[in-house]
């Protein structure tokens, strides 16, 4: 309701499938005590696994285990306005899988990671507009990552959409504003107590608003800024107000130089808040509404003072703004009302200079999507609208200024020497700059197959594994006994890559395999880990 626009090469080596790689990983991981993979680089957008269901106006949450929960949204299924499904993205594999479904479909819900690691999903729109109701939800659900299941919790006192949800320093959740089922904007706010699973009203702010932005400040207070005073988008708001959890009261805090709705608000490392973009309606008459989106940005500091800063390169709303680990703010996509187009462009705000510079454009133009900062510093963008159709695509921004050949998660896969295609290696790039490899070959006598494996570290374009082992003593099921497996010292491996598809491995064995080297070429690449 709140959206205005609604090769693998075949060789004699082994017929390697991507599934073979992950099957080996499970075995090698068990032998070596290795946790799952992780990081790639920045600066280029790389497609990653697609959602099981296209969606826009959904919610995305980074879980404590580094995975991302995506829930609800407008669905691309015929006749369905909202989606009950939820999906989990694993950055280690670049893949999505379904998890437990919501009890009710929700578009534009708000999701908040609680201090106990569970996720609270609040309100939204179930897409069932009637003359009596807009179909807004007051119900709330809790997701438990440990079990992948949902449970009901206390309902909002007022069903609402177009609101904000903010985690407070004490672990409670503040929900503010929005519009109710009677199509009336709200000035009320509610607090969720995770210990009791209940909601209570807290002080009301001065004027009703929806499609505003909310940010928890460094002192624990919450800044509410901008928005619209009705859901026909006829009166954008410039004013700001601050909520004090200690007293449960709201106080005026100045406002934007230009009123606008659906802007983003990002808390910077220095404690300031950057408000970017948004839109306003210039005038209204019975025959036409003329709207404009903005590139404008404003700064709010801890003294309560507002100042204008450099505008973005593009006018946009329904975009995302993500604070990066280096302190910059990444803005992606959105919609430009002036040209009636979704945007693929992205840009970065440099706090030290107060200026914007262009970042690499996304692969897909999109608005009403989500952007999530992953634990390794990459940014995951998911779904959204393009031409009023929800998207299933997802992409990741990999780090910039990385020299060619620098090892990233994209190096994961099968490698071989085309001149000696009867054997080859599996490589897996792990979290913590660790590097796992297994070489499937034959012993020097040529009498039996052998495989040796190990985990080392990588830096730049080089990976070194000093403790490679040759497992022996295992028997096929049902007679397998882990206690009987011997991890015999084999030697060391050193990998040097010239790019994402070519490199060389040097080896030195203490187990009679000698020493030497071999040029290697990529044979397979798992889906979702394409080279930049």
Protein backbone atom coordinates (compact mmCIF):
# COMPACT_ATOMS: atom_id res chain seq x y z
CA UNK A 1 0.00 0.00 0.00
CA UNK A 2 2.76 2.42 0.91
CA UNK A 3 4.64 2.03 -2.36
CA UNK A 4 3.85 4.55 -5.09
CA UNK A 5 4.94 2.22 -7.91
CA UNK A 6 3.46 -0.64 -7.32
CA UNK A 7 30.63 -25.22 -17.67
CA UNK A 8 31.39 -26.96 -16.49
CA UNK A 9 34.08 -28.40 -18.82
CA UNK A 10 33.92 -32.17 -19.18
CA UNK A 11 37.32 -33.88 -18.74
CA UNK A 12 38.62 -37.37 -17.95
CA UNK A 13 39.73 -36.05 -14.53
CA UNK A 14 36.45 -36.71 -12.76
CA UNK A 15 32.98 -35.66 -13.79
CA UNK A 16 32.84 -32.92 -11.22
CA UNK A 17 29.52 -31.36 -10.25
CA UNK A 18 29.12 -28.45 -7.86
CA UNK A 19 27.47 -30.90 -5.48
CA UNK A 20 30.69 -32.94 -5.44
CA UNK A 21 32.52 -29.91 -4.10
CA UNK A 22 30.14 -29.50 -1.18
CA UNK A 23 30.10 -33.23 -0.49
CA UNK A 24 33.89 -33.17 -0.22
CA UNK A 25 33.72 -30.09 1.99
CA UNK A 26 31.59 -31.94 4.49
CA UNK A 27 34.11 -34.80 4.66
CA UNK A 28 37.22 -32.62 4.70
CA UNK A 29 35.63 -30.31 7.24
CA UNK A 30 34.91 -33.25 9.52
CA UNK A 31 38.51 -34.45 9.24
CA UNK A 32 40.08 -31.03 9.74
CA UNK A 33 37.57 -29.35 12.08
CA UNK A 34 36.87 -26.55 9.61
CA UNK A 35 33.96 -24.13 9.81
CA UNK A 36 32.20 -22.90 6.69
CA UNK A 37 33.60 -20.29 4.19
CA UNK A 38 33.24 -16.66 3.65
CA UNK A 39 34.65 -13.54 2.18
CA UNK A 40 34.92 -11.96 -1.28
CA UNK A 41 36.13 -8.48 -2.22
CA UNK A 42 34.28 -5.05 -2.86
CA UNK A 43 33.92 -2.52 -5.74
CA UNK A 44 32.01 -4.65 -8.23
CA UNK A 45 28.45 -5.92 -8.03
CA UNK A 46 28.33 -9.70 -8.38
CA UNK A 47 25.13 -11.71 -8.79
CA UNK A 48 24.52 -14.14 -5.96
CA UNK A 49 21.91 -16.87 -5.59
CA UNK A 50 18.35 -15.82 -6.44
CA UNK A 51 15.49 -15.75 -3.96
CA UNK A 52 13.11 -18.69 -4.09
CA UNK A 53 10.29 -16.13 -4.39
CA UNK A 54 10.45 -12.69 -5.96
CA UNK A 55 9.57 -10.00 -3.43
CA UNK A 56 9.58 -6.27 -2.72
CA UNK A 57 8.74 -4.30 0.39
CA UNK A 58 10.17 -7.15 2.47
CA UNK A 59 12.41 -7.00 5.55
CA UNK A 60 16.00 -8.26 5.84
CA UNK A 61 17.91 -8.95 9.06
CA UNK A 62 21.53 -9.96 9.65
CA UNK A 63 21.46 -12.86 12.11
CA UNK A 64 24.15 -13.48 14.76
CA UNK A 65 25.49 -16.42 12.73
CA UNK A 66 26.24 -14.11 9.77
CA UNK A 67 23.34 -15.33 7.64
CA UNK A 68 20.52 -13.03 6.44
CA UNK A 69 16.82 -13.56 7.08
CA UNK A 70 14.48 -12.14 4.42
CA UNK A 71 10.79 -12.16 5.22
CA UNK A 72 7.45 -11.12 3.72
CA UNK A 73 6.93 -8.54 1.02
CA UNK A 74 4.77 -8.22 -2.05
CA UNK A 75 4.88 -11.50 -3.94
CA UNK A 76 5.06 -12.28 -7.63
CA UNK A 77 2.56 -15.12 -7.27
CA UNK A 78 -0.68 -14.52 -9.19
CA UNK A 79 -3.44 -13.38 -6.87
CA UNK A 80 -1.14 -12.96 -3.88
CA UNK A 81 -0.49 -9.47 -2.55
CA UNK A 82 1.66 -10.56 0.37
CA UNK A 83 4.09 -13.37 1.07
CA UNK A 84 4.21 -15.70 4.07
CA UNK A 85 7.53 -17.23 3.07
CA UNK A 86 10.88 -16.49 4.69
CA UNK A 87 14.30 -17.27 3.28
CA UNK A 88 17.84 -17.51 4.64
CA UNK A 89 20.90 -16.35 2.69
CA UNK A 90 24.22 -17.99 3.51
CA UNK A 91 27.18 -15.76 2.51
CA UNK A 92 29.48 -18.78 2.73
CA UNK A 93 27.74 -20.53 -0.17
CA UNK A 94 25.94 -17.66 -1.89
CA UNK A 95 22.72 -19.66 -1.72
CA UNK A 96 19.18 -19.17 -0.40
CA UNK A 97 17.01 -21.71 1.36
CA UNK A 98 13.48 -21.52 2.71
CA UNK A 99 12.94 -21.45 6.43
CA UNK A 100 9.74 -21.54 8.49
CA UNK A 101 6.84 -19.55 7.04
CA UNK A 102 5.11 -16.64 8.74
CA UNK A 103 1.68 -17.21 10.20
CA UNK A 104 0.28 -14.46 7.96
CA UNK A 105 1.51 -12.79 4.78
CA UNK A 106 2.94 -9.30 5.30
CA UNK A 107 4.04 -6.57 2.92
CA UNK A 108 6.12 -3.73 4.37
CA UNK A 109 6.66 -5.40 7.76
CA UNK A 110 9.42 -4.22 10.09
CA UNK A 111 11.97 -6.72 11.41
CA UNK A 112 14.18 -6.09 14.44
CA UNK A 113 17.00 -8.29 15.75
CA UNK A 114 16.46 -8.62 19.50
CA UNK A 115 19.27 -8.90 22.01
CA UNK A 116 18.57 -12.62 22.47
CA UNK A 117 19.31 -13.29 18.77
CA UNK A 118 15.68 -13.76 17.80
CA UNK A 119 13.89 -11.56 15.24
CA UNK A 120 10.70 -9.60 15.93
CA UNK A 121 8.50 -8.98 12.86
CA UNK A 122 5.85 -6.32 13.32
CA UNK A 123 2.73 -5.20 11.46
CA UNK A 124 2.55 -4.58 7.74
CA UNK A 125 -0.12 -4.92 5.08
CA UNK A 126 -1.83 -8.21 4.20
CA UNK A 127 -3.17 -6.82 0.90
CA UNK A 128 -6.88 -7.15 1.64
CA UNK A 129 -8.28 -3.63 1.25
CA UNK A 130 -12.02 -3.31 1.93
CA UNK A 131 -14.29 -0.26 2.33
CA UNK A 132 -13.94 -0.71 6.08
CA UNK A 133 -10.24 -1.51 6.38
CA UNK A 134 -6.90 -1.15 4.66
CA UNK A 135 -5.93 -4.67 5.72
CA UNK A 136 -3.17 -3.53 8.06
CA UNK A 137 -1.81 -5.91 10.67
CA UNK A 138 -1.32 -5.49 14.38
CA UNK A 139 -0.07 -9.02 14.90
CA UNK A 140 3.60 -9.72 15.54
CA UNK A 141 5.75 -12.83 15.25
CA UNK A 142 9.11 -13.99 16.61
CA UNK A 143 11.64 -15.96 14.53
CA UNK A 144 14.03 -18.32 16.32
CA UNK A 145 17.17 -18.95 14.19
CA UNK A 146 18.02 -21.99 16.30
CA UNK A 147 14.89 -23.85 15.20
CA UNK A 148 13.92 -21.95 12.03
CA UNK A 149 10.40 -21.53 13.38
CA UNK A 150 7.99 -18.66 14.13
CA UNK A 151 5.83 -18.06 17.18
CA UNK A 152 3.20 -15.43 17.90
CA UNK A 153 3.86 -12.69 20.40
CA UNK A 154 1.79 -9.77 21.67
CA UNK A 155 -0.03 -7.62 19.11
CA UNK A 156 0.33 -3.89 18.60
CA UNK A 157 -2.34 -1.79 20.26
CA UNK A 158 -2.89 -0.12 16.87
CA UNK A 159 -2.46 -1.98 13.55
CA UNK A 160 -0.26 0.18 11.34
CA UNK A 161 1.80 0.48 8.18
CA UNK A 162 4.39 3.04 7.08
CA UNK A 163 5.84 3.15 10.61
CA UNK A 164 9.37 2.74 11.98
CA UNK A 165 10.73 0.17 14.45
CA UNK A 166 13.89 0.91 16.45
CA UNK A 167 15.77 -1.28 18.92
CA UNK A 168 16.41 0.67 22.13
CA UNK A 169 19.54 0.36 24.26
CA UNK A 170 17.63 -1.59 26.92
CA UNK A 171 16.53 -4.24 24.40
CA UNK A 172 12.97 -2.98 23.98
CA UNK A 173 11.60 -1.94 20.56
CA UNK A 174 10.04 1.44 19.76
CA UNK A 175 7.38 1.54 17.02
CA UNK A 176 6.34 5.04 15.95
CA UNK A 177 3.78 6.64 13.64
CA UNK A 178 2.42 5.19 10.42
CA UNK A 179 -1.16 4.96 9.17
CA UNK A 180 -4.02 2.94 10.66
CA UNK A 181 -6.82 0.84 9.14
CA UNK A 182 -9.06 3.88 8.90
CA UNK A 183 -6.49 5.52 6.61
CA UNK A 184 -5.57 8.01 9.32
CA UNK A 185 -1.95 8.98 10.02
CA UNK A 186 -0.76 8.23 13.54
CA UNK A 187 1.15 10.25 16.11
CA UNK A 188 1.17 7.43 18.64
CA UNK A 189 4.14 5.24 19.54
CA UNK A 190 4.39 1.88 21.28
CA UNK A 191 7.09 -0.04 23.15
CA UNK A 192 7.60 -3.82 22.91
CA UNK A 193 8.89 -5.58 26.01
CA UNK A 194 10.63 -8.79 24.86
CA UNK A 195 10.59 -10.24 28.37
CA UNK A 196 6.80 -9.99 28.63
CA UNK A 197 5.94 -10.18 24.92
CA UNK A 198 3.61 -7.19 25.31
CA UNK A 199 3.18 -3.68 23.89
CA UNK A 200 2.44 -0.44 25.73
CA UNK A 201 1.83 3.06 24.46
CA UNK A 202 4.49 5.65 25.09
CA UNK A 203 4.28 9.44 24.63
CA UNK A 204 2.86 10.79 21.36
CA UNK A 205 4.88 13.07 19.12
CA UNK A 206 3.57 16.44 18.05
CA UNK A 207 2.13 15.74 14.61
CA UNK A 208 0.98 12.54 12.92
CA UNK A 209 3.34 11.19 10.28
CA UNK A 210 4.10 8.15 8.15
CA UNK A 211 6.97 7.18 5.82
CA UNK A 212 9.42 8.97 8.09
CA UNK A 213 12.91 7.85 9.12
CA UNK A 214 14.09 6.80 12.58
CA UNK A 215 17.59 6.44 14.01
CA UNK A 216 18.85 5.57 17.46
CA UNK A 217 21.37 8.23 18.46
CA UNK A 218 24.65 7.65 20.25
CA UNK A 219 23.07 8.71 23.57
CA UNK A 220 20.27 6.13 23.23
CA UNK A 221 17.56 8.59 22.22
CA UNK A 222 15.66 8.11 18.94
CA UNK A 223 15.46 10.72 16.18
CA UNK A 224 12.30 10.76 14.02
CA UNK A 225 12.56 12.96 10.93
CA UNK A 226 10.54 13.83 7.83
CA UNK A 227 7.64 11.79 6.52
CA UNK A 228 4.18 12.69 5.27
CA UNK A 229 1.13 13.93 7.14
CA UNK A 230 -1.29 11.82 5.08
CA UNK A 231 -1.04 8.79 2.84
CA UNK A 232 -1.96 10.66 -0.33
CA UNK A 233 1.57 12.11 -0.01
CA UNK A 234 0.24 15.64 -0.23
CA UNK A 235 2.11 17.21 2.65
CA UNK A 236 5.68 16.14 3.27
CA UNK A 237 7.08 16.96 6.71
CA UNK A 238 10.42 18.59 7.44
CA UNK A 239 10.20 18.63 11.20
CA UNK A 240 12.07 16.26 13.51
CA UNK A 241 11.42 15.00 17.04
CA UNK A 242 13.49 13.04 19.54
CA UNK A 243 12.25 10.30 21.87
CA UNK A 244 13.87 9.94 25.29
CA UNK A 245 13.46 6.35 26.60
CA UNK A 246 14.36 7.49 30.11
CA UNK A 247 11.27 9.70 30.36
CA UNK A 248 9.04 8.30 27.61
CA UNK A 249 8.65 11.78 26.14
CA UNK A 250 9.15 13.46 22.77
CA UNK A 251 10.79 16.82 22.12
CA UNK A 252 11.07 18.88 18.94
CA UNK A 253 14.45 18.78 17.20
CA UNK A 254 14.33 21.29 14.35
CA UNK A 255 14.02 19.80 10.91
CA UNK A 256 15.10 19.35 7.32
CA UNK A 257 15.74 22.31 5.06
CA UNK A 258 13.32 20.78 2.54
CA UNK A 259 10.38 18.67 3.77
CA UNK A 260 10.32 15.19 2.30
CA UNK A 261 9.08 11.64 2.89
CA UNK A 262 10.72 8.24 2.53
CA UNK A 263 14.23 9.57 3.05
CA UNK A 264 16.91 7.47 4.77
CA UNK A 265 18.63 8.38 8.04
CA UNK A 266 22.05 6.91 8.88
CA UNK A 267 23.94 7.28 12.16
CA UNK A 268 27.55 8.12 11.29
CA UNK A 269 30.58 7.07 13.29
CA UNK A 270 30.99 10.62 14.62
CA UNK A 271 27.45 10.62 16.06
CA UNK A 272 25.89 12.77 13.34
CA UNK A 273 22.86 11.59 11.35
CA UNK A 274 22.86 11.78 7.55
CA UNK A 275 19.38 12.18 6.02
CA UNK A 276 19.36 11.51 2.27
CA UNK A 277 16.84 11.71 -0.57
CA UNK A 278 13.08 11.39 -0.32
CA UNK A 279 10.20 13.02 -2.17
CA UNK A 280 7.54 15.71 -1.84
CA UNK A 281 4.38 16.79 -3.70
CA UNK A 282 4.60 20.28 -5.09
CA UNK A 283 0.89 20.86 -5.49
CA UNK A 284 -2.44 19.05 -5.72
CA UNK A 285 -5.60 19.58 -7.73
CA UNK A 286 -8.49 17.22 -8.54
CA UNK A 287 -6.87 16.22 -11.83
CA UNK A 288 -3.18 15.82 -11.09
CA UNK A 289 -0.57 15.42 -8.40
CA UNK A 290 2.90 16.66 -9.28
CA UNK A 291 5.67 15.09 -7.24
CA UNK A 292 9.42 15.44 -7.16
CA UNK A 293 12.18 13.32 -5.66
CA UNK A 294 15.30 14.85 -4.20
CA UNK A 295 19.05 14.39 -4.13
CA UNK A 296 19.19 16.63 -1.05
CA UNK A 297 21.01 15.57 2.11
CA UNK A 298 21.07 17.08 5.60
CA UNK A 299 23.14 16.46 8.73
CA UNK A 300 21.86 16.40 12.32
CA UNK A 301 24.48 16.63 15.07
CA UNK A 302 24.34 15.77 18.74
CA UNK A 303 23.79 19.41 19.70
CA UNK A 304 20.47 19.28 17.84
CA UNK A 305 21.72 21.46 14.97
CA UNK A 306 20.83 20.79 11.33
CA UNK A 307 23.07 21.69 8.39
CA UNK A 308 22.91 21.04 4.66
CA UNK A 309 25.61 18.89 3.11
CA UNK A 310 26.45 18.10 -0.51
CA UNK A 311 23.54 16.61 -2.51
CA UNK A 312 23.66 13.14 -3.98
CA UNK A 313 24.42 12.66 -7.65
CA UNK A 314 20.90 11.30 -8.29
CA UNK A 315 17.41 12.15 -7.05
CA UNK A 316 15.93 9.13 -5.33
CA UNK A 317 13.50 7.74 -2.78
CA UNK A 318 12.67 4.12 -1.82
CA UNK A 319 16.44 3.64 -1.86
CA UNK A 320 18.69 2.14 0.81
CA UNK A 321 21.49 3.68 2.85
CA UNK A 322 24.10 1.44 4.51
CA UNK A 323 26.86 2.53 6.87
CA UNK A 324 30.01 0.68 5.78
CA UNK A 325 32.82 -0.54 8.01
CA UNK A 326 35.09 2.26 6.70
CA UNK A 327 32.59 4.92 7.87
CA UNK A 328 31.22 5.80 4.44
CA UNK A 329 27.52 5.52 3.60
CA UNK A 330 26.50 3.50 0.55
CA UNK A 331 23.22 4.51 -1.14
CA UNK A 332 21.71 2.13 -3.69
CA UNK A 333 18.88 2.26 -6.21
CA UNK A 334 15.54 3.87 -5.55
CA UNK A 335 13.03 5.66 -7.72
CA UNK A 336 13.34 9.01 -9.47
CA UNK A 337 9.89 10.58 -9.72
CA UNK A 338 11.21 13.23 -12.06
CA UNK A 339 11.97 10.64 -14.73
CA UNK A 340 9.64 7.85 -13.46
CA UNK A 341 12.46 5.32 -13.48
CA UNK A 342 13.98 2.83 -11.08
CA UNK A 343 17.69 3.37 -10.52
CA UNK A 344 20.64 0.99 -10.71
CA UNK A 345 23.10 3.66 -9.64
CA UNK A 346 24.87 3.68 -6.29
CA UNK A 347 26.96 6.32 -4.56
CA UNK A 348 29.10 6.79 -1.46
CA UNK A 349 29.12 9.59 1.09
CA UNK A 350 32.57 10.48 2.39
CA UNK A 351 32.17 11.78 5.95
CA UNK A 352 35.62 13.39 6.01
CA UNK A 353 34.90 15.61 2.99
CA UNK A 354 31.10 15.82 3.16
CA UNK A 355 30.87 14.83 -0.50
CA UNK A 356 29.35 12.07 -2.63
CA UNK A 357 31.11 10.06 -5.31
CA UNK A 358 29.74 7.46 -7.67
CA UNK A 359 30.04 3.79 -6.80
CA UNK A 360 29.66 0.92 -9.24
CA UNK A 361 26.10 0.61 -10.53
CA UNK A 362 24.09 -2.43 -9.55
CA UNK A 363 23.36 -5.12 -12.10
CA UNK A 364 19.60 -4.49 -11.75
CA UNK A 365 17.70 -1.24 -11.32
CA UNK A 366 15.48 -1.58 -8.25
CA UNK A 367 13.50 0.25 -5.58
CA UNK A 368 11.89 -0.86 -2.30
CA UNK A 369 14.67 -3.40 -1.94
CA UNK A 370 16.85 -4.16 1.08
CA UNK A 371 20.58 -3.73 1.62
CA UNK A 372 22.37 -5.58 4.43
CA UNK A 373 25.94 -5.12 5.63
CA UNK A 374 27.37 -8.61 6.00
CA UNK A 375 29.78 -9.61 8.75
CA UNK A 376 32.72 -9.58 6.30
CA UNK A 377 32.03 -5.98 5.16
CA UNK A 378 30.28 -6.78 1.89
CA UNK A 379 26.80 -5.46 1.12
CA UNK A 380 23.94 -7.74 0.07
CA UNK A 381 21.11 -6.16 -1.97
CA UNK A 382 17.92 -8.19 -2.35
CA UNK A 383 14.70 -8.01 -4.35
CA UNK A 384 12.69 -4.82 -4.84
CA UNK A 385 10.52 -3.54 -7.66
CA UNK A 386 11.46 -3.05 -11.30
CA UNK A 387 8.64 -1.86 -13.50
CA UNK A 388 6.14 -2.65 -10.72
CA UNK A 389 7.24 -6.29 -10.72
CA UNK A 390 8.96 -7.81 -7.67
CA UNK A 391 12.48 -9.15 -8.30
CA UNK A 392 14.03 -12.44 -7.22
CA UNK A 393 17.57 -11.30 -7.94
CA UNK A 394 20.21 -10.55 -5.32
CA UNK A 395 23.70 -9.10 -5.69
CA UNK A 396 26.72 -8.35 -3.55
CA UNK A 397 29.09 -5.40 -3.63
CA UNK A 398 32.65 -6.70 -3.49
CA UNK A 399 35.55 -4.54 -2.16
CA UNK A 400 37.14 -2.00 -4.53
CA UNK A 401 40.78 -1.51 -5.45
CA UNK A 402 41.62 -5.19 -5.14
CA UNK A 403 44.58 -6.20 -7.36
CA UNK A 404 43.89 -8.84 -10.01
CA UNK A 405 44.55 -12.27 -8.52
CA UNK A 406 43.71 -11.25 -4.96
CA UNK A 407 42.05 -14.24 -3.34
CA UNK A 408 38.34 -13.86 -2.59
CA UNK A 409 35.49 -16.31 -1.99
CA UNK A 410 35.02 -16.37 -5.78
CA UNK A 411 38.16 -18.55 -6.01
CA UNK A 412 36.22 -21.41 -4.43
CA UNK A 413 35.75 -24.29 -6.88
CA UNK A 414 37.51 -27.08 -8.74
CA UNK A 415 40.92 -26.49 -10.41
CA UNK A 416 43.04 -28.65 -12.70
CA UNK A 417 45.90 -28.68 -15.22
CA UNK A 418 44.43 -29.09 -18.74
CA UNK A 419 47.61 -30.93 -19.76
CA UNK A 420 47.08 -33.47 -16.94
CA UNK A 421 43.34 -33.73 -16.67
CA UNK A 422 43.22 -37.03 -14.79
CA UNK A 423 43.52 -35.37 -11.38
CA UNK A 424 42.77 -32.02 -9.79
CA UNK A 425 42.10 -29.91 -6.73
CA UNK A 426 39.16 -28.51 -4.83
CA UNK A 427 39.71 -25.10 -3.24
CA UNK A 428 37.52 -23.45 -0.60
CA UNK A 429 38.06 -19.90 0.70
CA UNK A 430 37.08 -19.71 4.39
CA UNK A 431 36.41 -16.98 6.92
CA UNK A 432 39.33 -15.52 8.84
CA UNK A 433 41.61 -15.52 5.77
CA UNK A 434 41.80 -19.29 5.82
CA UNK A 435 42.20 -21.43 2.73
CA UNK A 436 41.28 -25.11 2.36
CA UNK A 437 42.40 -27.39 -0.46
CA UNK A 438 42.20 -31.08 -1.36
CA UNK A 439 44.17 -32.71 -4.16
CA UNK A 440 42.58 -35.82 -5.67
CA UNK A 441 45.37 -37.78 -7.35
CA UNK A 442 47.23 -41.13 -7.30
CA UNK A 443 50.19 -42.41 -5.29
CA UNK A 444 53.67 -42.36 -6.92
CA UNK A 445 53.48 -46.09 -7.70
CA UNK A 446 50.25 -45.63 -9.61
CA UNK A 447 48.64 -48.49 -7.72
CA UNK A 448 45.90 -46.61 -5.88
CA UNK A 449 44.08 -43.33 -5.65
CA UNK A 450 45.11 -40.81 -3.01
CA UNK A 451 43.80 -37.53 -1.73
CA UNK A 452 45.53 -35.10 0.55
CA UNK A 453 44.06 -32.05 2.18
CA UNK A 454 44.81 -29.20 4.54
CA UNK A 455 43.88 -25.75 5.77
CA UNK A 456 46.22 -22.77 5.70
CA UNK A 457 46.00 -19.02 5.32
CA UNK A 458 45.95 -16.59 2.42
CA UNK A 459 47.10 -13.04 1.84
CA UNK A 460 46.79 -11.14 -1.42
CA UNK A 461 47.14 -13.63 -4.27
CA UNK A 462 49.01 -16.31 -2.28
CA UNK A 463 47.77 -19.14 -0.05
CA UNK A 464 50.03 -21.43 1.97
CA UNK A 465 49.11 -24.73 3.63
CA UNK A 466 52.00 -26.05 5.71
CA UNK A 467 50.27 -29.05 7.29
CA UNK A 468 48.80 -31.11 4.47
CA UNK A 469 47.64 -34.58 5.55
CA UNK A 470 46.98 -37.85 3.70
CA UNK A 471 44.04 -39.65 5.38
CA UNK A 472 44.23 -43.46 5.48
CA UNK A 473 42.60 -46.27 7.42
CA UNK A 474 38.98 -45.47 6.72
CA UNK A 475 36.54 -48.08 5.48
CA UNK A 476 33.37 -47.72 3.48
CA UNK A 477 30.01 -47.64 5.28
CA UNK A 478 28.58 -49.41 7.22
CA UNK A 479 32.04 -50.25 8.61
CA UNK A 480 33.35 -46.68 8.77
CA UNK A 481 34.95 -45.80 12.10
CA UNK A 482 36.27 -42.25 12.51
CA UNK A 483 38.69 -43.49 15.17
CA UNK A 484 40.40 -45.65 12.55
CA UNK A 485 41.25 -42.74 10.21
CA UNK A 486 44.93 -41.75 10.32
CA UNK A 487 45.97 -38.20 9.39
CA UNK A 488 49.40 -38.90 7.96
CA UNK A 489 51.69 -35.89 7.38
CA UNK A 490 52.06 -35.34 3.63
CA UNK A 491 53.84 -31.98 3.18
CA UNK A 492 52.93 -28.45 2.08
CA UNK A 493 51.14 -26.62 -0.73
CA UNK A 494 51.55 -23.03 -1.93
CA UNK A 495 49.05 -21.43 -4.33
CA UNK A 496 49.75 -18.29 -6.36
CA UNK A 497 46.95 -16.86 -8.52
CA UNK A 498 47.30 -14.54 -11.50
CA UNK A 499 43.53 -13.96 -11.72
CA UNK A 500 40.25 -15.57 -10.72
CA UNK A 501 40.67 -18.37 -13.28
CA UNK A 502 44.41 -19.08 -13.41
CA UNK A 503 47.22 -19.83 -11.01
CA UNK A 504 49.95 -22.25 -9.95
CA UNK A 505 50.37 -24.70 -7.09
CA UNK A 506 53.80 -25.64 -5.70
CA UNK A 507 54.17 -28.73 -3.52
CA UNK A 508 56.78 -30.25 -1.24
CA UNK A 509 56.04 -33.71 0.21
CA UNK A 510 57.56 -35.55 3.16
CA UNK A 511 55.69 -38.71 2.20
CA UNK A 512 57.50 -39.75 -0.97
CA UNK A 513 55.63 -37.61 -3.48
CA UNK A 514 58.62 -35.34 -4.11
CA UNK A 515 58.36 -31.63 -4.89
CA UNK A 516 57.48 -29.51 -7.89
CA UNK A 517 54.71 -27.36 -9.32
CA UNK A 518 51.73 -27.35 -11.67
CA UNK A 519 49.84 -24.61 -13.50
CA UNK A 520 46.15 -24.71 -12.68
CA UNK A 521 43.01 -23.48 -14.42
CA UNK A 522 39.52 -23.16 -13.01
CA UNK A 523 37.26 -26.12 -13.83
CA UNK A 524 34.09 -25.25 -11.87
CA UNK A 525 32.65 -22.33 -9.97
CA UNK A 526 29.74 -22.72 -7.52
CA UNK A 527 26.63 -20.69 -8.29
CA UNK A 528 26.57 -17.35 -6.55
CA UNK A 529 30.35 -16.94 -6.43
CA UNK A 530 31.02 -15.46 -9.86
CA UNK A 531 34.32 -13.67 -10.40
CA UNK A 532 34.07 -9.86 -10.32
